Every structure is written in structure tokens, then in C-alpha cells.
C-alpha atoms as a PDB file:
ATOM      1  CA  UNK A   1      51.959  21.611  20.791  1.00  0.00           C
ATOM      2  CA  UNK A   2      49.596  20.440  18.079  1.00  0.00           C
ATOM      3  CA  UNK A   3      48.796  16.767  17.717  1.00  0.00           C
ATOM      4  CA  UNK A   4      47.462  15.123  14.602  1.00  0.00           C
ATOM      5  CA  UNK A   5      45.612  11.858  14.578  1.00  0.00           C
ATOM      6  CA  UNK A   6      46.383   9.645  11.619  1.00  0.00           C
ATOM      7  CA  UNK A   7      44.127   6.710  10.820  1.00  0.00           C
ATOM      8  CA  UNK A   8      45.493   3.713   8.979  1.00  0.00           C
ATOM      9  CA  UNK A   9      43.368   1.181   7.144  1.00  0.00           C
ATOM     10  CA  UNK A  10      44.573  -2.102   8.584  1.00  0.00           C
ATOM     11  CA  UNK A  11      42.619  -4.220   6.123  1.00  0.00           C
ATOM     12  CA  UNK A  12      44.584  -6.170   3.509  1.00  0.00           C
ATOM     13  CA  UNK A  13      44.732  -4.645   0.061  1.00  0.00           C
ATOM     14  CA  UNK A  14      42.672  -7.429  -1.517  1.00  0.00           C
ATOM     15  CA  UNK A  15      39.901  -6.874   1.019  1.00  0.00           C
ATOM     16  CA  UNK A  16      39.768  -3.142   0.284  1.00  0.00           C
ATOM     17  CA  UNK A  17      39.672  -3.915  -3.420  1.00  0.00           C
ATOM     18  CA  UNK A  18      36.860  -6.455  -2.919  1.00  0.00           C
ATOM     19  CA  UNK A  19      34.886  -3.894  -0.902  1.00  0.00           C
ATOM     20  CA  UNK A  20      35.191  -1.287  -3.645  1.00  0.00           C
ATOM     21  CA  UNK A  21      34.184  -3.811  -6.311  1.00  0.00           C
ATOM     22  CA  UNK A  22      31.120  -4.799  -4.290  1.00  0.00           C
ATOM     23  CA  UNK A  23      30.198  -1.127  -3.777  1.00  0.00           C
ATOM     24  CA  UNK A  24      30.394  -0.403  -7.505  1.00  0.00           C
ATOM     25  CA  UNK A  25      28.468  -3.593  -8.312  1.00  0.00           C
ATOM     26  CA  UNK A  26      25.642  -2.504  -5.998  1.00  0.00           C
ATOM     27  CA  UNK A  27      25.659   0.988  -7.491  1.00  0.00           C
ATOM     28  CA  UNK A  28      25.555  -0.409 -11.037  1.00  0.00           C
ATOM     29  CA  UNK A  29      22.703  -2.798 -10.229  1.00  0.00           C
ATOM     30  CA  UNK A  30      20.693  -0.036  -8.556  1.00  0.00           C
ATOM     31  CA  UNK A  31      21.287   2.379 -11.419  1.00  0.00           C
ATOM     32  CA  UNK A  32      20.313  -0.244 -13.983  1.00  0.00           C
ATOM     33  CA  UNK A  33      17.083  -1.021 -12.119  1.00  0.00           C
ATOM     34  CA  UNK A  34      16.192   2.680 -11.872  1.00  0.00           C
ATOM     35  CA  UNK A  35      16.939   3.232 -15.574  1.00  0.00           C
ATOM     36  CA  UNK A  36      14.835   0.246 -16.660  1.00  0.00           C
ATOM     37  CA  UNK A  37      11.961   1.368 -14.423  1.00  0.00           C
ATOM     38  CA  UNK A  38      12.182   4.898 -15.829  1.00  0.00           C
ATOM     39  CA  UNK A  39      12.131   3.566 -19.407  1.00  0.00           C
ATOM     40  CA  UNK A  40       9.075   1.450 -18.609  1.00  0.00           C
ATOM     41  CA  UNK A  41       7.213   4.337 -16.973  1.00  0.00           C
ATOM     42  CA  UNK A  42       8.075   6.733 -19.804  1.00  0.00           C
ATOM     43  CA  UNK A  43       6.823   4.225 -22.380  1.00  0.00           C
ATOM     44  CA  UNK A  44       3.569   3.738 -20.444  1.00  0.00           C
ATOM     45  CA  UNK A  45       3.062   7.491 -20.117  1.00  0.00           C
ATOM     46  CA  UNK A  46       3.793   7.985 -23.805  1.00  0.00           C
ATOM     47  CA  UNK A  47       1.197   5.395 -24.816  1.00  0.00           C
ATOM     48  CA  UNK A  48      -1.510   6.069 -22.272  1.00  0.00           C
ATOM     49  CA  UNK A  49      -1.423   9.790 -21.485  1.00  0.00           C
ATOM     50  CA  UNK A  50      -3.428  10.649 -24.586  1.00  0.00           C
ATOM     51  CA  UNK A  51      -6.269   8.347 -23.506  1.00  0.00           C
ATOM     52  CA  UNK A  52      -6.679   9.840 -20.031  1.00  0.00           C
ATOM     53  CA  UNK A  53      -9.837  11.909 -19.792  1.00  0.00           C
ATOM     54  CA  UNK A  54     -13.065  12.215 -17.858  1.00  0.00           C
ATOM     55  CA  UNK A  55     -14.761  10.021 -20.455  1.00  0.00           C
ATOM     56  CA  UNK A  56     -12.161   7.306 -19.886  1.00  0.00           C
ATOM     57  CA  UNK A  57     -13.065   7.237 -16.190  1.00  0.00           C
ATOM     58  CA  UNK A  58     -16.843   7.445 -16.681  1.00  0.00           C
ATOM     59  CA  UNK A  59     -17.464   5.184 -19.685  1.00  0.00           C
ATOM     60  CA  UNK A  60     -17.946   1.434 -19.710  1.00  0.00           C
ATOM     61  CA  UNK A  61     -15.702  -0.896 -21.758  1.00  0.00           C
ATOM     62  CA  UNK A  62     -16.527  -1.151 -25.449  1.00  0.00           C
ATOM     63  CA  UNK A  63     -15.540  -3.066 -28.576  1.00  0.00           C
ATOM     64  CA  UNK A  64     -14.384   0.254 -29.985  1.00  0.00           C
ATOM     65  CA  UNK A  65     -11.254   1.728 -28.350  1.00  0.00           C
ATOM     66  CA  UNK A  66     -12.390   5.326 -28.805  1.00  0.00           C
ATOM     67  CA  UNK A  67     -15.535   4.638 -26.736  1.00  0.00           C
ATOM     68  CA  UNK A  68     -14.036   2.411 -24.046  1.00  0.00           C
ATOM     69  CA  UNK A  69     -13.536   3.359 -20.410  1.00  0.00           C
ATOM     70  CA  UNK A  70     -12.836   1.819 -17.004  1.00  0.00           C
ATOM     71  CA  UNK A  71     -15.962   2.747 -15.072  1.00  0.00           C
ATOM     72  CA  UNK A  72     -16.986  -0.841 -14.305  1.00  0.00           C
ATOM     73  CA  UNK A  73     -13.426  -1.838 -13.330  1.00  0.00           C
ATOM     74  CA  UNK A  74     -13.000   1.275 -11.192  1.00  0.00           C
ATOM     75  CA  UNK A  75     -16.214   0.682  -9.243  1.00  0.00           C
ATOM     76  CA  UNK A  76     -15.487  -3.043  -8.974  1.00  0.00           C
ATOM     77  CA  UNK A  77     -12.043  -2.306  -7.541  1.00  0.00           C
ATOM     78  CA  UNK A  78     -13.513   0.020  -4.916  1.00  0.00           C
ATOM     79  CA  UNK A  79     -16.110  -2.584  -3.927  1.00  0.00           C
ATOM     80  CA  UNK A  80     -13.575  -5.404  -3.657  1.00  0.00           C
ATOM     81  CA  UNK A  81     -10.900  -3.397  -1.825  1.00  0.00           C
ATOM     82  CA  UNK A  82     -13.477  -1.993   0.597  1.00  0.00           C
ATOM     83  CA  UNK A  83     -14.788  -5.416   1.593  1.00  0.00           C
ATOM     84  CA  UNK A  84     -11.259  -6.831   1.673  1.00  0.00           C
ATOM     85  CA  UNK A  85     -10.320  -4.259   4.297  1.00  0.00           C
ATOM     86  CA  UNK A  86     -13.565  -4.898   6.172  1.00  0.00           C
ATOM     87  CA  UNK A  87     -12.799  -8.625   6.382  1.00  0.00           C
ATOM     88  CA  UNK A  88      -9.060  -8.548   7.020  1.00  0.00           C
ATOM     89  CA  UNK A  89      -8.663  -5.651   9.479  1.00  0.00           C
ATOM     90  CA  UNK A  90     -10.588  -6.992  12.514  1.00  0.00           C
ATOM     91  CA  UNK A  91      -9.432 -10.568  11.980  1.00  0.00           C
ATOM     92  CA  UNK A  92      -5.794  -9.631  11.402  1.00  0.00           C
ATOM     93  CA  UNK A  93      -5.529  -7.128  14.254  1.00  0.00           C
ATOM     94  CA  UNK A  94      -7.411  -9.429  16.620  1.00  0.00           C
ATOM     95  CA  UNK A  95      -5.047 -12.285  15.814  1.00  0.00           C
ATOM     96  CA  UNK A  96      -2.026 -10.033  16.354  1.00  0.00           C
ATOM     97  CA  UNK A  97      -3.361  -8.850  19.721  1.00  0.00           C
ATOM     98  CA  UNK A  98      -3.911 -12.417  20.886  1.00  0.00           C
ATOM     99  CA  UNK A  99      -0.492 -13.635  19.750  1.00  0.00           C
ATOM    100  CA  UNK A 100       1.355 -10.685  21.315  1.00  0.00           C
ATOM    101  CA  UNK A 101      -0.599 -10.116  24.518  1.00  0.00           C
ATOM    102  CA  UNK A 102      -2.449 -13.290  25.501  1.00  0.00           C
ATOM    103  CA  UNK A 103      -0.935 -16.358  23.829  1.00  0.00           C
ATOM    104  CA  UNK A 104       1.512 -18.344  25.991  1.00  0.00           C
ATOM    105  CA  UNK A 105       5.111 -18.167  24.774  1.00  0.00           C
ATOM    106  CA  UNK A 106       5.511 -21.848  23.962  1.00  0.00           C
ATOM    107  CA  UNK A 107       6.362 -23.985  20.942  1.00  0.00           C
ATOM    108  CA  UNK A 108       2.795 -23.940  19.609  1.00  0.00           C
ATOM    109  CA  UNK A 109       2.721 -20.139  19.448  1.00  0.00           C
ATOM    110  CA  UNK A 110       6.084 -20.135  17.690  1.00  0.00           C
ATOM    111  CA  UNK A 111       4.842 -22.676  15.149  1.00  0.00           C
ATOM    112  CA  UNK A 112       1.755 -20.549  14.470  1.00  0.00           C
ATOM    113  CA  UNK A 113       3.853 -17.414  13.970  1.00  0.00           C
ATOM    114  CA  UNK A 114       6.264 -19.224  11.646  1.00  0.00           C
ATOM    115  CA  UNK A 115       3.389 -20.523   9.540  1.00  0.00           C
ATOM    116  CA  UNK A 116       1.802 -17.073   9.357  1.00  0.00           C
ATOM    117  CA  UNK A 117       5.115 -15.701   8.080  1.00  0.00           C
ATOM    118  CA  UNK A 118       5.307 -18.529   5.537  1.00  0.00           C
ATOM    119  CA  UNK A 119       1.769 -17.827   4.328  1.00  0.00           C
ATOM    120  CA  UNK A 120       2.842 -14.293   3.413  1.00  0.00           C
ATOM    121  CA  UNK A 121       5.090 -15.805   0.735  1.00  0.00           C
ATOM    122  CA  UNK A 122       2.600 -18.260  -0.771  1.00  0.00           C
ATOM    123  CA  UNK A 123       1.890 -17.541  -4.485  1.00  0.00           C
ATOM    124  CA  UNK A 124      -1.355 -15.669  -4.975  1.00  0.00           C
ATOM    125  CA  UNK A 125      -2.733 -18.287  -7.369  1.00  0.00           C
ATOM    126  CA  UNK A 126      -2.907 -20.724  -4.433  1.00  0.00           C
ATOM    127  CA  UNK A 127      -5.298 -18.350  -2.662  1.00  0.00           C
ATOM    128  CA  UNK A 128      -7.302 -18.218  -5.875  1.00  0.00           C
ATOM    129  CA  UNK A 129      -7.697 -22.006  -5.850  1.00  0.00           C
ATOM    130  CA  UNK A 130      -8.713 -21.864  -2.177  1.00  0.00           C
ATOM    131  CA  UNK A 131     -11.235 -19.104  -2.890  1.00  0.00           C
ATOM    132  CA  UNK A 132     -12.697 -21.092  -5.787  1.00  0.00           C
ATOM    133  CA  UNK A 133     -13.127 -24.192  -3.628  1.00  0.00           C
ATOM    134  CA  UNK A 134     -14.425 -22.505  -0.465  1.00  0.00           C
ATOM    135  CA  UNK A 135     -16.171 -19.249  -1.341  1.00  0.00           C
ATOM    136  CA  UNK A 136     -17.358 -19.824  -4.911  1.00  0.00           C
ATOM    137  CA  UNK A 137     -18.402 -23.485  -4.661  1.00  0.00           C
ATOM    138  CA  UNK A 138     -18.741 -24.581  -1.016  1.00  0.00           C
ATOM    139  CA  UNK A 139     -20.359 -21.330   0.186  1.00  0.00           C
ATOM    140  CA  UNK A 140     -22.141 -20.792  -3.152  1.00  0.00           C
ATOM    141  CA  UNK A 141     -21.157 -17.121  -3.399  1.00  0.00           C
ATOM    142  CA  UNK A 142     -20.499 -17.457  -7.112  1.00  0.00           C
ATOM    143  CA  UNK A 143     -18.423 -14.912  -9.017  1.00  0.00           C
ATOM    144  CA  UNK A 144     -19.456 -12.134  -6.674  1.00  0.00           C
ATOM    145  CA  UNK A 145     -17.772  -9.207  -4.977  1.00  0.00           C
ATOM    146  CA  UNK A 146     -17.920 -11.071  -1.657  1.00  0.00           C
ATOM    147  CA  UNK A 147     -16.071 -14.082  -3.074  1.00  0.00           C
ATOM    148  CA  UNK A 148     -13.356 -11.864  -4.532  1.00  0.00           C
ATOM    149  CA  UNK A 149     -13.011  -9.790  -1.365  1.00  0.00           C
ATOM    150  CA  UNK A 150     -12.860 -12.866   0.877  1.00  0.00           C
ATOM    151  CA  UNK A 151     -10.160 -14.391  -1.337  1.00  0.00           C
ATOM    152  CA  UNK A 152      -8.049 -11.229  -1.267  1.00  0.00           C
ATOM    153  CA  UNK A 153      -8.626 -10.930   2.491  1.00  0.00           C
ATOM    154  CA  UNK A 154      -7.007 -14.343   2.931  1.00  0.00           C
ATOM    155  CA  UNK A 155      -4.155 -13.193   0.698  1.00  0.00           C
ATOM    156  CA  UNK A 156      -3.296 -10.095   2.741  1.00  0.00           C
ATOM    157  CA  UNK A 157      -4.226 -11.483   6.166  1.00  0.00           C
ATOM    158  CA  UNK A 158      -0.668 -12.675   6.991  1.00  0.00           C
ATOM    159  CA  UNK A 159       0.689  -9.225   6.073  1.00  0.00           C
ATOM    160  CA  UNK A 160      -1.871  -7.514   8.312  1.00  0.00           C
ATOM    161  CA  UNK A 161      -1.104  -9.861  11.215  1.00  0.00           C
ATOM    162  CA  UNK A 162       2.674  -9.450  10.935  1.00  0.00           C
ATOM    163  CA  UNK A 163       2.551  -5.655  10.614  1.00  0.00           C
ATOM    164  CA  UNK A 164       0.132  -5.380  13.552  1.00  0.00           C
ATOM    165  CA  UNK A 165       2.361  -7.635  15.654  1.00  0.00           C
ATOM    166  CA  UNK A 166       5.386  -5.482  14.897  1.00  0.00           C
ATOM    167  CA  UNK A 167       3.467  -2.325  15.805  1.00  0.00           C
ATOM    168  CA  UNK A 168       2.281  -3.782  19.119  1.00  0.00           C
ATOM    169  CA  UNK A 169       5.731  -5.193  19.869  1.00  0.00           C
ATOM    170  CA  UNK A 170       7.281  -1.759  19.326  1.00  0.00           C
ATOM    171  CA  UNK A 171       5.349  -0.266  22.269  1.00  0.00           C
ATOM    172  CA  UNK A 172       7.829   0.130  25.174  1.00  0.00           C
ATOM    173  CA  UNK A 173       7.293  -2.269  28.105  1.00  0.00           C
ATOM    174  CA  UNK A 174       7.313   0.743  30.435  1.00  0.00           C
ATOM    175  CA  UNK A 175       3.921   1.772  29.002  1.00  0.00           C
ATOM    176  CA  UNK A 176       2.382  -1.513  30.084  1.00  0.00           C
ATOM    177  CA  UNK A 177       4.116  -1.359  33.456  1.00  0.00           C
ATOM    178  CA  UNK A 178       2.744   2.146  34.028  1.00  0.00           C
ATOM    179  CA  UNK A 179      -0.778   0.916  33.340  1.00  0.00           C
ATOM    180  CA  UNK A 180      -0.420  -2.033  35.673  1.00  0.00           C
ATOM    181  CA  UNK A 181       1.106   0.280  38.281  1.00  0.00           C
ATOM    182  CA  UNK A 182      -2.059   2.382  38.536  1.00  0.00           C
ATOM    183  CA  UNK A 183      -4.239  -0.720  38.878  1.00  0.00           C
ATOM    184  CA  UNK A 184      -5.441  -1.100  35.282  1.00  0.00           C
ATOM    185  CA  UNK A 185      -6.325  -4.549  34.031  1.00  0.00           C
ATOM    186  CA  UNK A 186      -4.561  -6.123  31.055  1.00  0.00           C
ATOM    187  CA  UNK A 187      -7.440  -5.231  28.736  1.00  0.00           C
ATOM    188  CA  UNK A 188      -7.654  -1.655  30.038  1.00  0.00           C
ATOM    189  CA  UNK A 189      -3.912  -1.215  29.537  1.00  0.00           C
ATOM    190  CA  UNK A 190      -4.180  -2.639  26.043  1.00  0.00           C
ATOM    191  CA  UNK A 191      -7.221  -0.553  25.123  1.00  0.00           C
ATOM    192  CA  UNK A 192      -6.143   2.815  26.511  1.00  0.00           C
ATOM    193  CA  UNK A 193      -2.336   2.697  26.297  1.00  0.00           C
ATOM    194  CA  UNK A 194      -0.917   0.040  23.974  1.00  0.00           C
ATOM    195  CA  UNK A 195      -3.320   0.159  21.022  1.00  0.00           C
ATOM    196  CA  UNK A 196      -3.405   3.976  20.683  1.00  0.00           C
ATOM    197  CA  UNK A 197       0.396   3.997  20.465  1.00  0.00           C
ATOM    198  CA  UNK A 198       0.490   1.031  18.069  1.00  0.00           C
ATOM    199  CA  UNK A 199      -2.394   2.281  15.910  1.00  0.00           C
ATOM    200  CA  UNK A 200      -0.268   4.349  13.449  1.00  0.00           C
ATOM    201  CA  UNK A 201       1.839   1.294  12.630  1.00  0.00           C
ATOM    202  CA  UNK A 202      -1.221  -0.945  12.403  1.00  0.00           C
ATOM    203  CA  UNK A 203      -2.970   1.469  10.055  1.00  0.00           C
ATOM    204  CA  UNK A 204       0.125   1.837   7.876  1.00  0.00           C
ATOM    205  CA  UNK A 205       0.456  -1.925   7.538  1.00  0.00           C
ATOM    206  CA  UNK A 206      -3.223  -2.232   6.669  1.00  0.00           C
ATOM    207  CA  UNK A 207      -3.063   0.367   3.907  1.00  0.00           C
ATOM    208  CA  UNK A 208       0.094  -1.179   2.448  1.00  0.00           C
ATOM    209  CA  UNK A 209      -1.574  -4.598   2.500  1.00  0.00           C
ATOM    210  CA  UNK A 210      -4.569  -3.180   0.624  1.00  0.00           C
ATOM    211  CA  UNK A 211      -2.199  -1.635  -1.907  1.00  0.00           C
ATOM    212  CA  UNK A 212      -1.013  -5.157  -2.662  1.00  0.00           C
ATOM    213  CA  UNK A 213      -4.566  -6.452  -2.947  1.00  0.00           C
ATOM    214  CA  UNK A 214      -5.555  -3.739  -5.419  1.00  0.00           C
ATOM    215  CA  UNK A 215      -2.937  -4.974  -7.897  1.00  0.00           C
ATOM    216  CA  UNK A 216      -3.705  -8.700  -7.724  1.00  0.00           C
ATOM    217  CA  UNK A 217      -5.039 -10.451 -10.811  1.00  0.00           C
ATOM    218  CA  UNK A 218      -4.442 -14.213 -10.572  1.00  0.00           C
ATOM    219  CA  UNK A 219      -6.722 -14.977  -7.572  1.00  0.00           C
ATOM    220  CA  UNK A 220      -9.629 -13.039  -9.083  1.00  0.00           C
ATOM    221  CA  UNK A 221      -9.245 -14.680 -12.484  1.00  0.00           C
ATOM    222  CA  UNK A 222      -9.186 -18.031 -10.696  1.00  0.00           C
ATOM    223  CA  UNK A 223     -12.526 -17.414  -8.972  1.00  0.00           C
ATOM    224  CA  UNK A 224     -14.088 -16.304 -12.262  1.00  0.00           C
ATOM    225  CA  UNK A 225     -14.094 -12.513 -12.192  1.00  0.00           C
ATOM    226  CA  UNK A 226     -15.359 -11.181 -15.509  1.00  0.00           C
ATOM    227  CA  UNK A 227     -13.066  -9.579 -18.078  1.00  0.00           C
ATOM    228  CA  UNK A 228     -15.738  -7.528 -19.844  1.00  0.00           C
ATOM    229  CA  UNK A 229     -18.833  -6.071 -18.175  1.00  0.00           C
ATOM    230  CA  UNK A 230     -20.855  -2.969 -18.963  1.00  0.00           C
ATOM    231  CA  UNK A 231     -22.366  -2.412 -15.516  1.00  0.00           C
ATOM    232  CA  UNK A 232     -21.262  -1.571 -11.993  1.00  0.00           C
ATOM    233  CA  UNK A 233     -21.958  -3.785  -8.957  1.00  0.00           C
ATOM    234  CA  UNK A 234     -24.963  -2.654  -6.939  1.00  0.00           C
ATOM    235  CA  UNK A 235     -24.760  -5.281  -4.191  1.00  0.00           C
ATOM    236  CA  UNK A 236     -21.959  -7.432  -2.738  1.00  0.00           C
ATOM    237  CA  UNK A 237     -23.430 -10.457  -4.536  1.00  0.00           C
ATOM    238  CA  UNK A 238     -23.133  -8.938  -8.011  1.00  0.00           C
ATOM    239  CA  UNK A 239     -20.520  -9.975 -10.551  1.00  0.00           C
ATOM    240  CA  UNK A 240     -17.571  -7.649 -11.017  1.00  0.00           C
ATOM    241  CA  UNK A 241     -14.270  -6.876 -12.651  1.00  0.00           C
ATOM    242  CA  UNK A 242     -11.258  -4.941 -11.380  1.00  0.00           C
ATOM    243  CA  UNK A 243      -8.586  -2.711 -12.884  1.00  0.00           C
ATOM    244  CA  UNK A 244      -5.829  -5.355 -13.288  1.00  0.00           C
ATOM    245  CA  UNK A 245      -8.198  -7.728 -15.099  1.00  0.00           C
ATOM    246  CA  UNK A 246      -9.470  -4.966 -17.380  1.00  0.00           C
ATOM    247  CA  UNK A 247      -5.869  -3.980 -18.175  1.00  0.00           C
ATOM    248  CA  UNK A 248      -5.032  -7.621 -18.912  1.00  0.00           C
ATOM    249  CA  UNK A 249      -8.027  -7.896 -21.245  1.00  0.00           C
ATOM    250  CA  UNK A 250      -7.009  -4.820 -23.225  1.00  0.00           C
ATOM    251  CA  UNK A 251      -3.323  -5.762 -23.363  1.00  0.00           C
ATOM    252  CA  UNK A 252      -4.195  -9.190 -24.813  1.00  0.00           C
ATOM    253  CA  UNK A 253      -5.972  -7.662 -27.826  1.00  0.00           C
ATOM    254  CA  UNK A 254      -4.058  -7.071 -31.062  1.00  0.00           C
ATOM    255  CA  UNK A 255      -5.327  -3.532 -31.818  1.00  0.00           C
ATOM    256  CA  UNK A 256      -2.993  -0.661 -30.938  1.00  0.00           C
ATOM    257  CA  UNK A 257      -5.924   1.347 -29.565  1.00  0.00           C
ATOM    258  CA  UNK A 258      -6.543  -1.224 -26.837  1.00  0.00           C
ATOM    259  CA  UNK A 259      -2.842  -1.216 -25.958  1.00  0.00           C
ATOM    260  CA  UNK A 260      -3.130   2.529 -25.381  1.00  0.00           C
ATOM    261  CA  UNK A 261      -6.163   1.913 -23.173  1.00  0.00           C
ATOM    262  CA  UNK A 262      -4.171  -0.676 -21.204  1.00  0.00           C
ATOM    263  CA  UNK A 263      -1.381   1.865 -20.689  1.00  0.00           C
ATOM    264  CA  UNK A 264      -3.910   4.450 -19.501  1.00  0.00           C
ATOM    265  CA  UNK A 265      -5.361   1.884 -17.094  1.00  0.00           C
ATOM    266  CA  UNK A 266      -1.867   1.180 -15.752  1.00  0.00           C
ATOM    267  CA  UNK A 267      -1.408   4.901 -15.107  1.00  0.00           C
ATOM    268  CA  UNK A 268      -4.676   5.015 -13.142  1.00  0.00           C
ATOM    269  CA  UNK A 269      -3.641   1.929 -11.161  1.00  0.00           C
ATOM    270  CA  UNK A 270      -0.205   3.392 -10.407  1.00  0.00           C
ATOM    271  CA  UNK A 271      -1.768   6.646  -9.236  1.00  0.00           C
ATOM    272  CA  UNK A 272      -4.061   4.671  -6.914  1.00  0.00           C
ATOM    273  CA  UNK A 273      -1.148   2.646  -5.506  1.00  0.00           C
ATOM    274  CA  UNK A 274       1.083   5.673  -4.983  1.00  0.00           C
ATOM    275  CA  UNK A 275      -1.800   7.567  -3.376  1.00  0.00           C
ATOM    276  CA  UNK A 276      -2.415   4.729  -0.918  1.00  0.00           C
ATOM    277  CA  UNK A 277       1.278   4.547  -0.025  1.00  0.00           C
ATOM    278  CA  UNK A 278       1.452   8.317   0.443  1.00  0.00           C
ATOM    279  CA  UNK A 279      -1.698   8.214   2.581  1.00  0.00           C
ATOM    280  CA  UNK A 280      -0.125   5.547   4.781  1.00  0.00           C
ATOM    281  CA  UNK A 281       2.986   7.678   5.339  1.00  0.00           C
ATOM    282  CA  UNK A 282       1.012  10.873   6.028  1.00  0.00           C
ATOM    283  CA  UNK A 283      -1.380   9.194   8.476  1.00  0.00           C
ATOM    284  CA  UNK A 284       1.467   7.457  10.293  1.00  0.00           C
ATOM    285  CA  UNK A 285       3.439  10.669  10.749  1.00  0.00           C
ATOM    286  CA  UNK A 286       0.401  12.716  11.757  1.00  0.00           C
ATOM    287  CA  UNK A 287      -0.894  10.175  14.251  1.00  0.00           C
ATOM    288  CA  UNK A 288       2.550   9.793  15.816  1.00  0.00           C
ATOM    289  CA  UNK A 289       2.781  13.546  16.317  1.00  0.00           C
ATOM    290  CA  UNK A 290      -0.581  13.558  18.091  1.00  0.00           C
ATOM    291  CA  UNK A 291       0.524  10.931  20.615  1.00  0.00           C
END
């Protein structure tokens, strides 16, 4: 004898209708966002693709659009992002290790973690004001690469801490118990077992945090980063500009040629951001396979 199982939807009709309406509303909103993003990207590619060339990457900015390039902004971005990572990685990972492995689980630790999470949502201009007061004036670093990197390091530090905490927290407790079972100390267990397993997640979070820093404009304008320079920084104390500021400078000019340069700069910035995100995914997957 053959039996058939029949499933009945016991939900009221109005609830099924509401669910379908919500599903179509989500689909419409997603489709609209994708279409608008595609239109924006196509318009940027249409304006800026013709300006992309080796000369555009190797020439300094100029009053004449046909001679202008992004060399100074490109080198300034590499300087600032490099020092931002140098400042934020050890401090952020060290803080995450302490909070997850050594800090007592009491109200004070919870308050600290809540405030770190809140700092991740603070507007970037606030960090610019802090950088102007502390690094530019109090520490007398001026409008230098170090001042810009330190300001951006403060900006991404909460993101680095939170992502590192999540990576460390994701390590199974059995790993720690195995280390303690063979007589390893807490630090030895952390160094040889926990951190190697958590490292792919920590590295991914760090790269994604830097991808946010590379696109920031407001904090660097606040500390006085230049909008037009015809040189590249040679030391961390030199003045600088970065890609977002150079794009902003070109976009604010009335000539159509500078608008095309701004679009080309946006393409370069998007390629850099997408490359960093892809690198984070590739490194995470590869390192996890090696464990």
C-alpha cells in the first residue's frame, strides 16, 4: 500500500499574504539598490575609463586636466595605510587577547566591551577632531603622514578589536583544554594553539578595517591633509594627500576634464578596495586549509 504525506499550511490567509508581500518588498528593494549601484558604476566607468593610463598613475596633479595624475595621492595613500596598519594591528590584537583571555568577566569588562562597540559607530569626523587636538597640536606632528595614520588607526581600532575578539572566541574550548591537559601554561596554549587557529579571522578583520581606512576623507581633511601637492612623501613627517581627498578636489572643480579625472580616481580606489577584500577572503581560506 502506498502512503502519501500531505502538508497543510496552518497559517491564516492574511499571514500568508503578509509574508508574500514582505518577500516581494525585500526583493524589490534589493533589485532597486543593485540597479542604482550598477547605474552609478556604469556612469563612473563611462567618464573615467578614457583617463586611465600609465601616465595617470605616474604623473603629479596639474592645473591642466590632460597633464594631471594621481602619483602623489597614490604614494600618500600607501604611506598612510601602511602606518595605520602598523599602529592598529598590535594594539587592537593585544587588546582583544587581554579582553578574551585575561580580563576578569565582571561589569567593568562588559562596560569596556560595550564602549568599544559604540566607538565603532562614532562618525569619522569626531576622530578627525581628536587627531587635530592630540596628534597635530599637542604632539606637534603637524600635517604629516604620522598624524594622519594615527588618526585613522584610532578610527579602525574598535573594528580590529571586535574582529580579533570574535576570531579568538571562535576557537573551540577543547583546544585550550587539550593544551592545559599536556601541562602547557596559559600563554603557551595561547601562543601555540589559540592564536594560530584564530589568525585567519584576525587577518581578515585587519584587512577589512584597512579597506575602510583607505576610503576615509573627513578625518584627514580635519587634520589638514593637503588637496594639491606635486611631490611624494619621503619620510613619515612629510605632508601628504590621499586618493579620496584628490578625488574630492577634482570633483569640486567646474571643468569637465577634472570630473573625468575624479571618475578615473574613483575607479582606481574601487580597484584597491576590491583587491583588499579579495585578498582577505583568499588569505582566510588558504590559512584555514593549512590548519
